[in-house]
Protein backbone atom coordinates (compact mmCIF):
# COMPACT_ATOMS: atom_id res chain seq x y z
CA MET A 1 -35.06 45.50 26.31
CA ALA A 2 -36.37 42.50 28.28
CA ASN A 3 -38.43 41.35 25.27
CA PHE A 4 -35.38 41.63 22.98
CA LEU A 5 -33.24 39.47 25.28
CA ASN A 6 -36.06 37.01 25.77
CA SER A 7 -36.65 36.60 22.00
CA ASP A 8 -32.89 36.19 21.34
CA PHE A 9 -32.70 33.53 24.02
CA LYS A 10 -35.65 31.66 22.53
CA SER A 11 -34.16 31.67 19.02
CA THR A 12 -30.78 30.52 20.33
CA ARG A 13 -32.47 27.79 22.34
CA ARG A 14 -34.51 26.70 19.30
CA ALA A 15 -31.39 26.59 17.13
CA PHE A 16 -29.61 24.49 19.74
CA MET A 17 -32.56 22.11 20.05
CA ARG A 18 -32.75 21.70 16.25
CA PHE A 19 -29.03 20.93 16.14
CA ALA A 20 -29.32 18.42 19.01
CA VAL A 21 -32.26 16.62 17.38
CA ALA A 22 -30.43 16.47 14.05
CA ALA A 23 -27.29 15.07 15.70
CA VAL A 24 -29.25 12.37 17.52
CA GLY A 25 -31.14 11.53 14.32
CA LEU A 26 -27.97 11.20 12.27
CA SER A 27 -26.25 9.05 14.88
CA SER A 28 -29.25 6.70 15.01
CA LEU A 29 -29.01 6.14 11.22
CA ARG A 30 -25.83 4.09 11.78
CA ARG A 31 -27.87 1.06 12.83
CA PHE A 32 -29.64 1.07 9.43
CA PHE A 33 -26.34 1.04 7.52
CA PRO A 34 -24.19 -1.65 9.16
CA GLY A 35 -20.65 -2.31 8.03
CA ASN A 36 -19.65 1.33 7.67
CA GLU A 37 -17.57 1.25 10.85
CA VAL A 38 -13.85 1.71 10.50
CA PHE A 39 -11.58 -0.94 11.98
CA ALA A 40 -8.04 0.41 11.65
CA GLN A 41 -6.36 -2.68 13.11
CA ALA A 42 -7.98 -5.11 10.71
CA ASN A 43 -6.78 -3.36 7.56
CA SER A 44 -3.57 -1.55 8.48
CA SER A 45 -0.40 -3.44 7.60
CA GLY A 46 1.59 -1.87 10.42
CA MET A 47 -0.77 -2.45 13.32
CA PRO A 48 -0.31 -5.43 15.63
CA LEU A 49 -3.27 -7.78 15.88
CA PRO A 50 -4.10 -9.83 19.00
CA ASP A 51 -3.08 -13.50 19.07
CA GLU A 52 -1.40 -13.34 15.68
CA PRO A 53 1.39 -15.93 15.21
CA VAL A 54 4.79 -14.47 14.38
CA GLU A 55 4.73 -16.08 10.91
CA ALA A 56 1.48 -14.25 10.11
CA THR A 57 2.91 -10.98 11.45
CA MET A 58 6.03 -11.31 9.31
CA LYS A 59 3.95 -12.14 6.22
CA ARG A 60 1.59 -9.21 6.88
CA LEU A 61 4.47 -6.79 7.32
CA PHE A 62 6.87 -8.02 4.64
CA GLY A 63 4.87 -10.24 2.29
CA ASN A 64 7.00 -12.86 0.56
CA ARG A 65 10.15 -10.72 0.42
CA THR A 66 13.40 -12.40 1.38
CA ILE A 67 14.91 -11.32 4.67
CA SER A 68 18.72 -11.30 4.46
CA SER A 69 21.07 -11.62 7.40
CA GLY A 70 21.92 -8.28 8.95
CA GLU A 71 25.06 -9.53 10.69
CA GLY A 72 27.69 -6.80 10.44
CA LYS A 73 25.02 -4.24 9.42
CA ILE A 74 22.71 -4.25 12.43
CA LYS A 75 23.72 -4.37 16.08
CA ILE A 76 21.07 -5.39 18.63
CA GLU A 77 21.67 -5.03 22.35
CA LEU A 78 19.45 -6.94 24.77
CA PRO A 79 20.16 -8.65 28.07
CA GLN A 80 20.65 -12.42 27.89
CA ILE A 81 18.42 -12.78 30.94
CA ALA A 82 15.55 -10.39 31.62
CA GLU A 83 14.52 -10.64 35.25
CA ASP A 84 11.40 -8.55 34.56
CA GLY A 85 9.78 -9.12 31.17
CA GLY A 86 7.72 -5.98 31.69
CA ASN A 87 10.69 -3.70 31.14
CA VAL A 88 13.45 -4.98 28.87
CA ALA A 89 15.88 -2.43 27.44
CA ILE A 90 16.72 -2.80 23.76
CA THR A 91 19.02 -0.82 21.49
CA VAL A 92 19.25 -1.29 17.73
CA ASP A 93 21.93 0.46 15.71
CA ALA A 94 22.18 -0.08 11.94
CA SER A 95 25.31 0.94 10.08
CA LEU A 96 23.21 1.31 6.92
CA PRO A 97 22.73 4.82 5.44
CA VAL A 98 19.65 6.96 6.06
CA THR A 99 20.37 9.14 3.00
CA GLY A 100 21.20 8.46 -0.63
CA ALA A 101 19.67 6.31 -3.34
CA THR A 102 19.29 3.27 -1.07
CA HIS A 103 18.61 4.05 2.56
CA VAL A 104 16.89 2.77 5.70
CA SER A 105 13.21 3.65 5.82
CA HIS A 106 11.90 1.56 8.74
CA LEU A 107 13.04 -0.53 11.68
CA TYR A 108 10.75 -3.16 13.21
CA ILE A 109 11.17 -4.93 16.55
CA VAL A 110 9.44 -8.32 16.71
CA ALA A 111 9.24 -10.80 19.62
CA ASP A 112 8.46 -14.29 18.36
CA LYS A 113 6.47 -15.58 21.36
CA ASN A 114 4.55 -12.46 22.38
CA ARG A 115 0.79 -12.31 22.05
CA ARG A 116 1.34 -9.36 19.67
CA PRO A 117 4.70 -10.06 18.04
CA MET A 118 5.34 -6.64 16.48
CA LEU A 119 6.49 -4.47 19.36
CA ALA A 120 7.68 -1.31 17.61
CA LYS A 121 8.12 0.36 14.24
CA PHE A 122 10.49 3.27 13.76
CA SER A 123 10.64 5.40 10.60
CA PHE A 124 13.76 7.23 9.49
CA THR A 125 14.44 10.22 7.25
CA ALA A 126 17.62 11.97 6.18
CA ASP A 127 17.17 14.27 9.20
CA SER A 128 17.48 11.24 11.52
CA GLY A 129 21.22 11.18 10.98
CA ARG A 130 21.47 7.43 11.54
CA ALA A 131 19.26 4.37 11.96
CA PHE A 132 19.32 4.08 15.75
CA ALA A 133 16.58 3.27 18.25
CA SER A 134 16.65 2.66 21.98
CA THR A 135 13.54 1.80 23.97
CA SER A 136 12.01 -0.65 26.44
CA ILE A 137 9.86 -3.58 25.41
CA ARG A 138 7.64 -6.13 27.15
CA LEU A 139 8.27 -9.83 26.73
CA ALA A 140 5.86 -12.61 27.67
CA THR A 141 8.36 -15.45 27.91
CA THR A 142 11.78 -16.59 26.78
CA THR A 143 11.88 -15.71 23.10
CA ASP A 144 13.87 -14.57 20.12
CA VAL A 145 13.67 -10.83 19.53
CA ARG A 146 14.23 -9.68 15.95
CA ALA A 147 15.28 -6.33 14.58
CA VAL A 148 14.23 -6.03 10.93
CA VAL A 149 15.49 -3.11 8.85
CA GLU A 150 13.52 -2.20 5.72
CA MET A 151 15.32 -0.25 3.03
CA ASN A 152 13.52 2.20 0.73
CA ASP A 153 14.00 -0.22 -2.20
CA GLY A 154 12.20 -3.02 -0.31
CA LYS A 155 15.26 -5.01 0.79
CA LEU A 156 15.09 -6.45 4.30
CA PHE A 157 17.86 -7.22 6.78
CA ALA A 158 17.40 -8.85 10.18
CA VAL A 159 19.25 -9.95 13.26
CA SER A 160 17.86 -11.71 16.32
CA LYS A 161 18.84 -12.44 19.86
CA ASN A 162 17.39 -14.88 22.36
CA VAL A 163 16.29 -13.44 25.70
CA ARG A 164 15.51 -15.62 28.70
CA VAL A 165 12.62 -14.10 30.67
CA THR A 166 12.26 -15.08 34.34
CA ILE A 167 9.06 -13.14 35.13
CA SER A 168 6.53 -12.57 32.35
CA GLY A 169 5.86 -8.98 31.39
CA CYS A 170 2.58 -9.59 29.55
CA ASP A 171 0.00 -12.23 28.69
CA LEU A 172 1.16 -15.39 27.00
CA PRO A 173 -0.36 -16.30 23.64
CA PRO A 174 -3.01 -19.02 23.72
CA ALA A 175 -1.63 -22.56 23.54
CA GLY A 176 -2.19 -24.41 20.33
C-alpha cells in the first residue's frame, strides 16, 4: 500500500512539474513575439483615453455626425456651483422613446475640461422603460457638462450646462 501511494504521488508531482515548466516556457515566448499585447483603451471607441481633448473625444465617439440641439427632448440637472468637484450629482432624463423604430440606444456624459472628458456611457433597451440616468461625476474645474443622446439610427441630440467648481475633484488636464 505504501508503494502504491508513493508511486501515485510521484506521478502526480511529475505531471505538475511538467505543467509548470510548460507554463513558464509559454509565458517566456511572449518576449520573442512583441506587439501581440492587447491594449483595450487604444482601440475601443467607448473607452476614455488620458489627456484627450474634448474635441478628440467627441470625434472618436461620434465621428463627423451632426449633433442637434436636445432642448425640449433632454433635461439635465446639475448644480450651478459644485462646492466639491469630487462628487457632483447629475440627472439626465430624455423624453425620447426607448422602443419603436427610432429609439434611444446610448447616453453619454462628457465634461469639456476634464482630463478624461467622457465620464459615463449608459445603454438602453426596451426593458429600460425610459432614457433616464442619475449618478455622481467628478469635475476638475469649472466646465460645461454635456449629455449626448445617441439614437439607434445614428442621430445625436445634446444639451449642456455650465458648472462652477470651487474645489477640484480630479487632476486638471495639462496646459497647452
